[in-house]
Amino acid sequence: MKQAVARVRRAVREFLWPVRFGELNVAVSGGADSLALTEATAHVGRHFGVPVRALVVDHQLQEGSARVAAEAAGLARKLGAHTVEVLTVDVTGAGGFEAAARRARYAALRAVLSGPDSLVLLGHTRDDQAETVLLGFGRGSGPRSVAGMKPLDPPWGRPLLDVPRSVTRQACQELGVEPWEDPQNADSRFTRVRLRAEVLPLLEDVLNGGVSAALARTAAQVREDLETLDAIAAGLLARAGDGSRLRIEELADQPAALRRRVLRRWLLDAGARDLTDGHLRSVDALLSQWRGQGGVWLPGSLVVDRARGRLAVNHRETKGE
């Protein structure tokens, strides 16, 4: 019995069963995770009566990338994908090579979706989740980062977050396909590669194993807590909202964690981006530590002011404009 193949299929089936979707896609890189996911999605899709489209992104970052993309497309067809498309992208922009490639990839995938009920399955495994949690811890970016990747974040779906990378590799062996090994996955210049190759193996050794699974469980637990707090904060925002303003009296006596969640949602809805913990704490001080201080500037030439018992977000030009 092909135990690894069966495990990946089961993970996909259990993920898709409660999800309402129209078009079903799977992102294929040619690596073991995406190939195992493609076969499982095609298998489950046939039982659901839903055709599966494989989407291969060619980032054009390495010599021969078009050949690698074509080979991945061929394997996707062999593994049961109903249709296959290769999407060619240009990787540009700020934020570092990895971030730029990720933005280009996700933008290309989103651009070919037919509607709001389209779903794209991604091959992130339990090991990827553990790496994401460790990165969150190291950056000190709060519980949202430690909560890791969501299993369902439309249009993205991640059925394999509880499946180890070793299982997807074994599944490919059972299927008789040879995954592509991206040379960048062995390049120690990338932080995530060093986490994978050096930090996690050391933690597994020091803590006698089970670290990746424990980090993934931690992410799930934190995510459940966040969802609960966010739901409470949404209710507070509904009560405190006064058009584009917030009534301070509704929030002043609330716990800091809830206040800052309300402020975060309110500011995002007002167009704020790239909010940091420092930004939120400064805006929160207008509620909790009011001393007549001036407004708080946020990225995008936004400023939050307090007046007449309310907070307001305004757009203001910088002096250089």
C-alpha atoms as a PDB file:
ATOM      1  CA  MET A   1       0.000   0.000   0.000  1.00  0.00           C
ATOM      2  CA  LYS A   2       1.254   3.473  -0.898  1.00  0.00           C
ATOM      3  CA  GLN A   3       1.032   4.917   2.609  1.00  0.00           C
ATOM      4  CA  ALA A   4       2.526   8.350   1.879  1.00  0.00           C
ATOM      5  CA  VAL A   5       0.306   8.872  -1.159  1.00  0.00           C
ATOM      6  CA  ALA A   6      -2.712   7.864   0.912  1.00  0.00           C
ATOM      7  CA  ARG A   7      -1.773  10.304   3.676  1.00  0.00           C
ATOM      8  CA  VAL A   8      -1.445  13.240   1.278  1.00  0.00           C
ATOM      9  CA  ARG A   9      -4.736  12.346  -0.409  1.00  0.00           C
ATOM     10  CA  ARG A  10      -6.462  12.152   2.974  1.00  0.00           C
ATOM     11  CA  ALA A  11      -5.114  15.571   3.977  1.00  0.00           C
ATOM     12  CA  VAL A  12      -6.424  17.118   0.757  1.00  0.00           C
ATOM     13  CA  ARG A  13      -9.804  15.393   1.020  1.00  0.00           C
ATOM     14  CA  GLU A  14     -10.319  16.478   4.643  1.00  0.00           C
ATOM     15  CA  PHE A  15      -9.298  20.017   3.763  1.00  0.00           C
ATOM     16  CA  LEU A  16     -11.577  20.349   0.735  1.00  0.00           C
ATOM     17  CA  TRP A  17     -14.638  18.614   2.165  1.00  0.00           C
ATOM     18  CA  PRO A  18     -16.007  21.592   4.191  1.00  0.00           C
ATOM     19  CA  VAL A  19     -14.759  24.288   1.782  1.00  0.00           C
ATOM     20  CA  ARG A  20     -17.089  25.846  -0.782  1.00  0.00           C
ATOM     21  CA  PHE A  21     -15.281  26.564  -4.032  1.00  0.00           C
ATOM     22  CA  GLY A  22     -15.822  26.723  -7.765  1.00  0.00           C
ATOM     23  CA  GLU A  23     -12.591  26.555  -9.730  1.00  0.00           C
ATOM     24  CA  LEU A  24      -9.904  24.307  -8.207  1.00  0.00           C
ATOM     25  CA  ASN A  25      -6.242  25.046  -8.914  1.00  0.00           C
ATOM     26  CA  VAL A  26      -2.943  23.782  -7.569  1.00  0.00           C
ATOM     27  CA  ALA A  27       0.352  25.713  -7.703  1.00  0.00           C
ATOM     28  CA  VAL A  28       3.165  23.522  -9.036  1.00  0.00           C
ATOM     29  CA  SER A  29       6.871  24.251  -8.688  1.00  0.00           C
ATOM     30  CA  GLY A  30       8.114  20.799  -9.629  1.00  0.00           C
ATOM     31  CA  GLY A  31       9.316  20.110  -6.083  1.00  0.00           C
ATOM     32  CA  ALA A  32       8.183  17.136  -4.013  1.00  0.00           C
ATOM     33  CA  ASP A  33       5.588  19.062  -1.995  1.00  0.00           C
ATOM     34  CA  SER A  34       3.751  20.478  -5.007  1.00  0.00           C
ATOM     35  CA  LEU A  35       3.927  17.250  -7.013  1.00  0.00           C
ATOM     36  CA  ALA A  36       2.498  15.153  -4.188  1.00  0.00           C
ATOM     37  CA  LEU A  37      -0.185  17.808  -3.711  1.00  0.00           C
ATOM     38  CA  THR A  38      -1.002  17.806  -7.430  1.00  0.00           C
ATOM     39  CA  GLU A  39      -1.568  14.061  -7.543  1.00  0.00           C
ATOM     40  CA  ALA A  40      -3.685  14.118  -4.396  1.00  0.00           C
ATOM     41  CA  THR A  41      -5.750  17.081  -5.601  1.00  0.00           C
ATOM     42  CA  ALA A  42      -6.368  15.459  -8.993  1.00  0.00           C
ATOM     43  CA  HIS A  43      -7.374  12.219  -7.252  1.00  0.00           C
ATOM     44  CA  VAL A  44      -9.765  13.965  -4.851  1.00  0.00           C
ATOM     45  CA  GLY A  45     -11.038  16.251  -7.607  1.00  0.00           C
ATOM     46  CA  ARG A  46     -12.124  13.263  -9.688  1.00  0.00           C
ATOM     47  CA  HIS A  47     -14.174  11.960  -6.751  1.00  0.00           C
ATOM     48  CA  PHE A  48     -15.711  15.406  -6.267  1.00  0.00           C
ATOM     49  CA  GLY A  49     -16.370  15.742  -9.990  1.00  0.00           C
ATOM     50  CA  VAL A  50     -14.206  18.867 -10.162  1.00  0.00           C
ATOM     51  CA  PRO A  51     -11.472  19.330 -12.811  1.00  0.00           C
ATOM     52  CA  VAL A  52      -8.105  20.476 -11.456  1.00  0.00           C
ATOM     53  CA  ARG A  53      -5.928  23.077 -13.153  1.00  0.00           C
ATOM     54  CA  ALA A  54      -2.193  23.109 -12.437  1.00  0.00           C
ATOM     55  CA  LEU A  55      -0.460  26.506 -12.447  1.00  0.00           C
ATOM     56  CA  VAL A  56       3.311  26.584 -12.928  1.00  0.00           C
ATOM     57  CA  VAL A  57       5.120  29.893 -12.321  1.00  0.00           C
ATOM     58  CA  ASP A  58       8.377  30.544 -14.189  1.00  0.00           C
ATOM     59  CA  HIS A  59      10.220  33.260 -12.260  1.00  0.00           C
ATOM     60  CA  GLN A  60      12.963  33.486 -14.951  1.00  0.00           C
ATOM     61  CA  LEU A  61      15.595  33.755 -12.229  1.00  0.00           C
ATOM     62  CA  GLN A  62      17.814  30.874 -13.255  1.00  0.00           C
ATOM     63  CA  GLU A  63      19.230  29.661 -16.525  1.00  0.00           C
ATOM     64  CA  GLY A  64      16.964  26.990 -17.915  1.00  0.00           C
ATOM     65  CA  SER A  65      13.943  28.080 -15.897  1.00  0.00           C
ATOM     66  CA  ALA A  66      11.645  27.667 -18.912  1.00  0.00           C
ATOM     67  CA  ARG A  67      12.757  24.045 -19.261  1.00  0.00           C
ATOM     68  CA  VAL A  68      12.160  23.408 -15.547  1.00  0.00           C
ATOM     69  CA  ALA A  69       8.686  24.946 -15.815  1.00  0.00           C
ATOM     70  CA  ALA A  70       7.861  22.827 -18.877  1.00  0.00           C
ATOM     71  CA  GLU A  71       9.000  19.663 -17.092  1.00  0.00           C
ATOM     72  CA  ALA A  72       6.889  20.555 -14.041  1.00  0.00           C
ATOM     73  CA  ALA A  73       3.914  21.087 -16.345  1.00  0.00           C
ATOM     74  CA  GLY A  74       4.484  17.681 -17.918  1.00  0.00           C
ATOM     75  CA  LEU A  75       4.616  15.985 -14.520  1.00  0.00           C
ATOM     76  CA  ALA A  76       1.424  17.763 -13.465  1.00  0.00           C
ATOM     77  CA  ARG A  77      -0.353  16.317 -16.506  1.00  0.00           C
ATOM     78  CA  LYS A  78       1.079  12.873 -15.766  1.00  0.00           C
ATOM     79  CA  LEU A  79      -0.196  13.125 -12.181  1.00  0.00           C
ATOM     80  CA  GLY A  80      -3.748  13.847 -13.299  1.00  0.00           C
ATOM     81  CA  ALA A  81      -4.177  17.600 -13.695  1.00  0.00           C
ATOM     82  CA  HIS A  82      -6.989  18.297 -16.166  1.00  0.00           C
ATOM     83  CA  THR A  83      -5.330  21.410 -17.599  1.00  0.00           C
ATOM     84  CA  VAL A  84      -1.932  23.032 -17.047  1.00  0.00           C
ATOM     85  CA  GLU A  85      -0.779  26.622 -17.518  1.00  0.00           C
ATOM     86  CA  VAL A  86       2.731  28.065 -17.282  1.00  0.00           C
ATOM     87  CA  LEU A  87       2.816  31.656 -16.008  1.00  0.00           C
ATOM     88  CA  THR A  88       5.945  33.696 -16.744  1.00  0.00           C
ATOM     89  CA  VAL A  89       6.736  36.581 -14.382  1.00  0.00           C
ATOM     90  CA  ASP A  90       9.345  39.295 -13.925  1.00  0.00           C
ATOM     91  CA  VAL A  91      10.716  39.545 -10.387  1.00  0.00           C
ATOM     92  CA  THR A  92      11.290  43.187  -9.491  1.00  0.00           C
ATOM     93  CA  GLY A  93      10.696  45.581  -6.621  1.00  0.00           C
ATOM     94  CA  ALA A  94      11.901  46.315  -3.130  1.00  0.00           C
ATOM     95  CA  GLY A  95      12.058  44.124  -0.060  1.00  0.00           C
ATOM     96  CA  GLY A  96      14.685  41.591  -1.042  1.00  0.00           C
ATOM     97  CA  PHE A  97      14.848  38.792  -3.566  1.00  0.00           C
ATOM     98  CA  GLU A  98      12.625  36.314  -1.709  1.00  0.00           C
ATOM     99  CA  ALA A  99       9.893  38.870  -1.031  1.00  0.00           C
ATOM    100  CA  ALA A 100       9.933  40.136  -4.621  1.00  0.00           C
ATOM    101  CA  ALA A 101       9.655  36.591  -6.016  1.00  0.00           C
ATOM    102  CA  ARG A 102       6.791  35.825  -3.638  1.00  0.00           C
ATOM    103  CA  ARG A 103       4.894  38.972  -4.662  1.00  0.00           C
ATOM    104  CA  ALA A 104       5.340  38.190  -8.361  1.00  0.00           C
ATOM    105  CA  ARG A 105       4.260  34.571  -7.884  1.00  0.00           C
ATOM    106  CA  TYR A 106       1.128  35.346  -5.907  1.00  0.00           C
ATOM    107  CA  ALA A 107       0.148  38.173  -8.260  1.00  0.00           C
ATOM    108  CA  ALA A 108       0.472  35.871 -11.283  1.00  0.00           C
ATOM    109  CA  LEU A 109      -1.591  33.140  -9.647  1.00  0.00           C
ATOM    110  CA  ARG A 110      -4.301  35.570  -8.566  1.00  0.00           C
ATOM    111  CA  ALA A 111      -4.469  37.150 -12.030  1.00  0.00           C
ATOM    112  CA  VAL A 112      -5.610  33.938 -13.750  1.00  0.00           C
ATOM    113  CA  LEU A 113      -8.426  33.083 -11.335  1.00  0.00           C
ATOM    114  CA  SER A 114     -11.884  33.141 -12.844  1.00  0.00           C
ATOM    115  CA  GLY A 115     -13.794  34.492  -9.862  1.00  0.00           C
ATOM    116  CA  PRO A 116     -14.076  35.008  -6.105  1.00  0.00           C
ATOM    117  CA  ASP A 117     -14.858  31.342  -5.478  1.00  0.00           C
ATOM    118  CA  SER A 118     -11.618  30.142  -7.101  1.00  0.00           C
ATOM    119  CA  LEU A 119      -9.211  28.245  -4.881  1.00  0.00           C
ATOM    120  CA  VAL A 120      -5.459  27.758  -5.289  1.00  0.00           C
ATOM    121  CA  LEU A 121      -3.872  24.980  -3.240  1.00  0.00           C
ATOM    122  CA  LEU A 122      -0.272  25.547  -2.120  1.00  0.00           C
ATOM    123  CA  GLY A 123       2.185  22.853  -1.073  1.00  0.00           C
ATOM    124  CA  HIS A 124       3.312  24.282   2.269  1.00  0.00           C
ATOM    125  CA  THR A 125       4.037  21.470   4.722  1.00  0.00           C
ATOM    126  CA  ARG A 126       4.384  21.176   8.487  1.00  0.00           C
ATOM    127  CA  ASP A 127       8.094  21.893   8.096  1.00  0.00           C
ATOM    128  CA  ASP A 128       7.352  25.139   6.258  1.00  0.00           C
ATOM    129  CA  GLN A 129       4.988  26.105   9.058  1.00  0.00           C
ATOM    130  CA  ALA A 130       7.669  25.417  11.679  1.00  0.00           C
ATOM    131  CA  GLU A 131      10.139  27.604   9.770  1.00  0.00           C
ATOM    132  CA  THR A 132       7.565  30.393   9.546  1.00  0.00           C
ATOM    133  CA  VAL A 133       6.932  30.253  13.303  1.00  0.00           C
ATOM    134  CA  LEU A 134      10.656  30.395  14.063  1.00  0.00           C
ATOM    135  CA  LEU A 135      11.026  33.407  11.777  1.00  0.00           C
ATOM    136  CA  GLY A 136       8.171  35.079  13.643  1.00  0.00           C
ATOM    137  CA  PHE A 137       9.825  34.415  16.997  1.00  0.00           C
ATOM    138  CA  GLY A 138      13.146  35.746  15.748  1.00  0.00           C
ATOM    139  CA  ARG A 139      11.660  38.944  14.356  1.00  0.00           C
ATOM    140  CA  GLY A 140       9.611  39.650  17.464  1.00  0.00           C
ATOM    141  CA  SER A 141       6.649  40.479  15.240  1.00  0.00           C
ATOM    142  CA  GLY A 142       3.946  39.353  17.624  1.00  0.00           C
ATOM    143  CA  PRO A 143       1.334  36.611  17.729  1.00  0.00           C
ATOM    144  CA  ARG A 144       0.124  37.110  14.152  1.00  0.00           C
ATOM    145  CA  SER A 145       3.533  36.079  12.891  1.00  0.00           C
ATOM    146  CA  VAL A 146       3.889  33.231  15.407  1.00  0.00           C
ATOM    147  CA  ALA A 147       0.457  31.982  14.307  1.00  0.00           C
ATOM    148  CA  GLY A 148       2.072  31.049  11.003  1.00  0.00           C
ATOM    149  CA  MET A 149       0.237  30.395   7.758  1.00  0.00           C
ATOM    150  CA  LYS A 150      -3.530  29.912   7.691  1.00  0.00           C
ATOM    151  CA  PRO A 151      -4.840  26.652   6.250  1.00  0.00           C
ATOM    152  CA  LEU A 152      -7.522  28.619   4.391  1.00  0.00           C
ATOM    153  CA  ASP A 153      -6.921  32.224   3.391  1.00  0.00           C
ATOM    154  CA  PRO A 154      -8.961  32.650   0.190  1.00  0.00           C
ATOM    155  CA  PRO A 155      -8.028  32.246  -2.556  1.00  0.00           C
ATOM    156  CA  TRP A 156      -5.149  30.309  -0.987  1.00  0.00           C
ATOM    157  CA  GLY A 157      -5.514  26.880   0.575  1.00  0.00           C
ATOM    158  CA  ARG A 158      -2.804  24.895   2.378  1.00  0.00           C
ATOM    159  CA  PRO A 159      -3.972  21.312   2.938  1.00  0.00           C
ATOM    160  CA  LEU A 160      -0.556  19.942   3.949  1.00  0.00           C
ATOM    161  CA  LEU A 161       0.246  22.050   7.018  1.00  0.00           C
ATOM    162  CA  ASP A 162       0.023  18.932   9.189  1.00  0.00           C
ATOM    163  CA  VAL A 163       1.979  16.738   6.755  1.00  0.00           C
ATOM    164  CA  PRO A 164       5.787  16.479   7.136  1.00  0.00           C
ATOM    165  CA  ARG A 165       8.022  17.182   4.155  1.00  0.00           C
ATOM    166  CA  SER A 166       9.366  13.652   4.455  1.00  0.00           C
ATOM    167  CA  VAL A 167       5.903  12.302   3.580  1.00  0.00           C
ATOM    168  CA  THR A 168       5.664  14.315   0.339  1.00  0.00           C
ATOM    169  CA  ARG A 169       9.101  13.061  -0.686  1.00  0.00           C
ATOM    170  CA  GLN A 170       8.066   9.492   0.061  1.00  0.00           C
ATOM    171  CA  ALA A 171       4.842  10.028  -1.889  1.00  0.00           C
ATOM    172  CA  CYS A 172       6.833  11.044  -4.961  1.00  0.00           C
ATOM    173  CA  GLN A 173       8.888   7.868  -4.662  1.00  0.00           C
ATOM    174  CA  GLU A 174       5.711   5.807  -4.442  1.00  0.00           C
ATOM    175  CA  LEU A 175       4.344   7.603  -7.515  1.00  0.00           C
ATOM    176  CA  GLY A 176       7.535   7.037  -9.468  1.00  0.00           C
ATOM    177  CA  VAL A 177       8.213  10.714 -10.154  1.00  0.00           C
ATOM    178  CA  GLU A 178      11.457  12.580  -9.563  1.00  0.00           C
ATOM    179  CA  PRO A 179      10.971  16.049  -8.059  1.00  0.00           C
ATOM    180  CA  TRP A 180      13.027  19.027  -9.106  1.00  0.00           C
ATOM    181  CA  GLU A 181      15.483  20.202  -6.461  1.00  0.00           C
ATOM    182  CA  ASP A 182      15.682  24.001  -6.544  1.00  0.00           C
ATOM    183  CA  PRO A 183      19.365  24.934  -6.008  1.00  0.00           C
ATOM    184  CA  GLN A 184      18.233  27.989  -4.050  1.00  0.00           C
ATOM    185  CA  ASN A 185      16.876  25.635  -1.394  1.00  0.00           C
ATOM    186  CA  ALA A 186      20.493  24.828  -0.545  1.00  0.00           C
ATOM    187  CA  ASP A 187      21.776  28.419  -0.676  1.00  0.00           C
ATOM    188  CA  SER A 188      22.774  29.426   2.852  1.00  0.00           C
ATOM    189  CA  ARG A 189      22.471  33.123   1.973  1.00  0.00           C
ATOM    190  CA  PHE A 190      18.731  32.751   2.564  1.00  0.00           C
ATOM    191  CA  THR A 191      17.548  32.830   6.171  1.00  0.00           C
ATOM    192  CA  ARG A 192      14.892  30.187   5.657  1.00  0.00           C
ATOM    193  CA  VAL A 193      17.464  27.798   4.170  1.00  0.00           C
ATOM    194  CA  ARG A 194      19.667  28.137   7.250  1.00  0.00           C
ATOM    195  CA  LEU A 195      16.678  27.544   9.508  1.00  0.00           C
ATOM    196  CA  ARG A 196      15.895  24.387   7.545  1.00  0.00           C
ATOM    197  CA  ALA A 197      19.444  23.076   7.295  1.00  0.00           C
ATOM    198  CA  GLU A 198      21.006  24.234  10.569  1.00  0.00           C
ATOM    199  CA  VAL A 199      18.607  25.567  13.214  1.00  0.00           C
ATOM    200  CA  LEU A 200      15.755  23.052  13.086  1.00  0.00           C
ATOM    201  CA  PRO A 201      18.049  19.973  12.990  1.00  0.00           C
ATOM    202  CA  LEU A 202      19.911  21.364  16.014  1.00  0.00           C
ATOM    203  CA  LEU A 203      16.676  21.968  17.905  1.00  0.00           C
ATOM    204  CA  GLU A 204      15.472  18.467  17.024  1.00  0.00           C
ATOM    205  CA  ASP A 205      18.727  17.079  18.428  1.00  0.00           C
ATOM    206  CA  VAL A 206      18.793  19.182  21.604  1.00  0.00           C
ATOM    207  CA  LEU A 207      15.083  18.709  22.386  1.00  0.00           C
ATOM    208  CA  ASN A 208      14.960  15.024  21.413  1.00  0.00           C
ATOM    209  CA  GLY A 209      12.773  15.428  18.356  1.00  0.00           C
ATOM    210  CA  GLY A 210       9.246  16.559  17.638  1.00  0.00           C
ATOM    211  CA  VAL A 211      10.146  20.237  17.336  1.00  0.00           C
ATOM    212  CA  SER A 212       8.557  20.871  13.937  1.00  0.00           C
ATOM    213  CA  ALA A 213       5.309  19.257  15.040  1.00  0.00           C
ATOM    214  CA  ALA A 214       5.350  21.220  18.307  1.00  0.00           C
ATOM    215  CA  LEU A 215       5.905  24.520  16.497  1.00  0.00           C
ATOM    216  CA  ALA A 216       3.046  23.737  14.112  1.00  0.00           C
ATOM    217  CA  ARG A 217       0.762  22.954  17.089  1.00  0.00           C
ATOM    218  CA  THR A 218       1.803  26.221  18.703  1.00  0.00           C
ATOM    219  CA  ALA A 219       0.890  28.089  15.521  1.00  0.00           C
ATOM    220  CA  ALA A 220      -2.553  26.454  15.461  1.00  0.00           C
ATOM    221  CA  GLN A 221      -3.192  27.285  19.129  1.00  0.00           C
ATOM    222  CA  VAL A 222      -2.110  30.912  18.742  1.00  0.00           C
ATOM    223  CA  ARG A 223      -4.198  31.258  15.584  1.00  0.00           C
ATOM    224  CA  GLU A 224      -7.322  30.031  17.417  1.00  0.00           C
ATOM    225  CA  ASP A 225      -6.724  32.576  20.186  1.00  0.00           C
ATOM    226  CA  LEU A 226      -6.203  35.343  17.623  1.00  0.00           C
ATOM    227  CA  GLU A 227      -9.424  34.498  15.829  1.00  0.00           C
ATOM    228  CA  THR A 228     -11.330  34.680  19.110  1.00  0.00           C
ATOM    229  CA  LEU A 229      -9.798  38.027  20.080  1.00  0.00           C
ATOM    230  CA  ASP A 230     -10.368  39.396  16.586  1.00  0.00           C
ATOM    231  CA  ALA A 231     -14.051  38.458  16.768  1.00  0.00           C
ATOM    232  CA  ILE A 232     -14.414  40.295  20.094  1.00  0.00           C
ATOM    233  CA  ALA A 233     -12.508  43.268  18.680  1.00  0.00           C
ATOM    234  CA  ALA A 234     -14.854  43.387  15.675  1.00  0.00           C
ATOM    235  CA  GLY A 235     -17.787  43.788  18.040  1.00  0.00           C
ATOM    236  CA  LEU A 236     -16.002  46.593  19.883  1.00  0.00           C
ATOM    237  CA  LEU A 237     -15.204  48.344  16.608  1.00  0.00           C
ATOM    238  CA  ALA A 238     -18.855  48.197  15.593  1.00  0.00           C
ATOM    239  CA  ARG A 239     -19.848  49.902  18.866  1.00  0.00           C
ATOM    240  CA  ALA A 240     -17.012  52.453  18.889  1.00  0.00           C
ATOM    241  CA  GLY A 241     -17.278  53.445  15.245  1.00  0.00           C
ATOM    242  CA  ASP A 242     -18.683  56.893  14.476  1.00  0.00           C
ATOM    243  CA  GLY A 243     -18.440  57.195  10.723  1.00  0.00           C
ATOM    244  CA  SER A 244     -14.723  57.468   9.978  1.00  0.00           C
ATOM    245  CA  ARG A 245     -13.969  58.175  13.650  1.00  0.00           C
ATOM    246  CA  LEU A 246     -13.696  56.180  16.862  1.00  0.00           C
ATOM    247  CA  ARG A 247     -15.413  57.127  20.110  1.00  0.00           C
ATOM    248  CA  ILE A 248     -12.748  56.997  22.799  1.00  0.00           C
ATOM    249  CA  GLU A 249     -15.153  56.337  25.665  1.00  0.00           C
ATOM    250  CA  GLU A 250     -16.072  52.959  24.153  1.00  0.00           C
ATOM    251  CA  LEU A 251     -12.446  51.779  24.163  1.00  0.00           C
ATOM    252  CA  ALA A 252     -10.601  53.523  26.981  1.00  0.00           C
ATOM    253  CA  ASP A 253     -11.382  50.908  29.646  1.00  0.00           C
ATOM    254  CA  GLN A 254     -10.800  47.866  27.431  1.00  0.00           C
ATOM    255  CA  PRO A 255      -7.698  45.661  27.846  1.00  0.00           C
ATOM    256  CA  ALA A 256      -4.741  46.856  25.791  1.00  0.00           C
ATOM    257  CA  ALA A 257      -4.706  43.738  23.597  1.00  0.00           C
ATOM    258  CA  LEU A 258      -8.311  44.344  22.533  1.00  0.00           C
ATOM    259  CA  ARG A 259      -7.830  48.105  22.062  1.00  0.00           C
ATOM    260  CA  ARG A 260      -4.894  47.571  19.730  1.00  0.00           C
ATOM    261  CA  ARG A 261      -6.809  44.964  17.725  1.00  0.00           C
ATOM    262  CA  VAL A 262      -9.657  47.427  17.265  1.00  0.00           C
ATOM    263  CA  LEU A 263      -7.188  50.131  16.238  1.00  0.00           C
ATOM    264  CA  ARG A 264      -5.402  47.814  13.809  1.00  0.00           C
ATOM    265  CA  ARG A 265      -8.634  46.871  12.016  1.00  0.00           C
ATOM    266  CA  TRP A 266      -9.836  50.478  11.976  1.00  0.00           C
ATOM    267  CA  LEU A 267      -6.547  51.755  10.545  1.00  0.00           C
ATOM    268  CA  LEU A 268      -6.368  49.025   7.891  1.00  0.00           C
ATOM    269  CA  ASP A 269      -9.919  49.841   6.827  1.00  0.00           C
ATOM    270  CA  ALA A 270      -8.861  53.504   6.570  1.00  0.00           C
ATOM    271  CA  GLY A 271      -6.061  52.598   4.152  1.00  0.00           C
ATOM    272  CA  ALA A 272      -3.076  52.228   6.480  1.00  0.00           C
ATOM    273  CA  ARG A 273      -0.404  49.739   5.412  1.00  0.00           C
ATOM    274  CA  ASP A 274       2.776  48.270   6.870  1.00  0.00           C
ATOM    275  CA  LEU A 275       1.635  48.884  10.437  1.00  0.00           C
ATOM    276  CA  THR A 276       4.147  47.957  13.118  1.00  0.00           C
ATOM    277  CA  ASP A 277       3.689  47.284  16.804  1.00  0.00           C
ATOM    278  CA  GLY A 278       5.243  50.705  17.425  1.00  0.00           C
ATOM    279  CA  HIS A 279       2.631  52.413  15.276  1.00  0.00           C
ATOM    280  CA  LEU A 280      -0.216  50.705  17.121  1.00  0.00           C
ATOM    281  CA  ARG A 281       1.216  51.508  20.534  1.00  0.00           C
ATOM    282  CA  SER A 282       1.642  55.160  19.591  1.00  0.00           C
ATOM    283  CA  VAL A 283      -1.961  55.409  18.401  1.00  0.00           C
ATOM    284  CA  ASP A 284      -3.096  53.519  21.500  1.00  0.00           C
ATOM    285  CA  ALA A 285      -1.341  56.130  23.656  1.00  0.00           C
ATOM    286  CA  LEU A 286      -3.818  58.694  22.293  1.00  0.00           C
ATOM    287  CA  LEU A 287      -6.453  56.649  24.128  1.00  0.00           C
ATOM    288  CA  SER A 288      -4.686  55.346  27.198  1.00  0.00           C
ATOM    289  CA  GLN A 289      -1.955  57.931  27.914  1.00  0.00           C
ATOM    290  CA  TRP A 290      -3.505  61.172  26.722  1.00  0.00           C
ATOM    291  CA  ARG A 291      -1.438  64.241  27.649  1.00  0.00           C
ATOM    292  CA  GLY A 292      -2.465  66.551  24.837  1.00  0.00           C
ATOM    293  CA  GLN A 293       0.195  65.140  22.489  1.00  0.00           C
ATOM    294  CA  GLY A 294       0.084  65.683  18.754  1.00  0.00           C
ATOM    295  CA  GLY A 295      -1.085  63.274  16.101  1.00  0.00           C
ATOM    296  CA  VAL A 296       0.606  60.023  15.155  1.00  0.00           C
ATOM    297  CA  TRP A 297       2.005  59.771  11.625  1.00  0.00           C
ATOM    298  CA  LEU A 298       1.630  56.488   9.778  1.00  0.00           C
ATOM    299  CA  PRO A 299       3.021  55.202   6.459  1.00  0.00           C
ATOM    300  CA  GLY A 300       1.267  56.668   3.443  1.00  0.00           C
ATOM    301  CA  SER A 301       1.034  60.226   4.812  1.00  0.00           C
ATOM    302  CA  LEU A 302      -1.728  59.302   7.241  1.00  0.00           C
ATOM    303  CA  VAL A 303      -2.033  60.903  10.647  1.00  0.00           C
ATOM    304  CA  VAL A 304      -4.251  59.952  13.564  1.00  0.00           C
ATOM    305  CA  ASP A 305      -5.494  62.857  15.697  1.00  0.00           C
ATOM    306  CA  ARG A 306      -7.549  63.051  18.872  1.00  0.00           C
ATOM    307  CA  ALA A 307     -10.199  65.726  19.250  1.00  0.00           C
ATOM    308  CA  ARG A 308     -13.555  66.023  21.049  1.00  0.00           C
ATOM    309  CA  GLY A 309     -13.446  62.533  22.460  1.00  0.00           C
ATOM    310  CA  ARG A 310     -12.777  60.845  19.126  1.00  0.00           C
ATOM    311  CA  LEU A 311      -9.876  59.554  17.045  1.00  0.00           C
ATOM    312  CA  ALA A 312      -9.771  60.443  13.351  1.00  0.00           C
ATOM    313  CA  VAL A 313      -7.519  59.394  10.458  1.00  0.00           C
ATOM    314  CA  ASN A 314      -6.592  62.123   8.002  1.00  0.00           C
ATOM    315  CA  HIS A 315      -4.493  62.261   4.834  1.00  0.00           C
ATOM    316  CA  ARG A 316      -1.874  65.000   4.974  1.00  0.00           C
ATOM    317  CA  GLU A 317       0.816  66.013   2.566  1.00  0.00           C
ATOM    318  CA  THR A 318       4.413  65.840   3.728  1.00  0.00           C
ATOM    319  CA  LYS A 319       6.512  68.980   3.697  1.00  0.00           C
ATOM    320  CA  GLY A 320       8.398  67.844   0.625  1.00  0.00           C
ATOM    321  CA  GLU A 321       5.291  67.454  -1.480  1.00  0.00           C
END
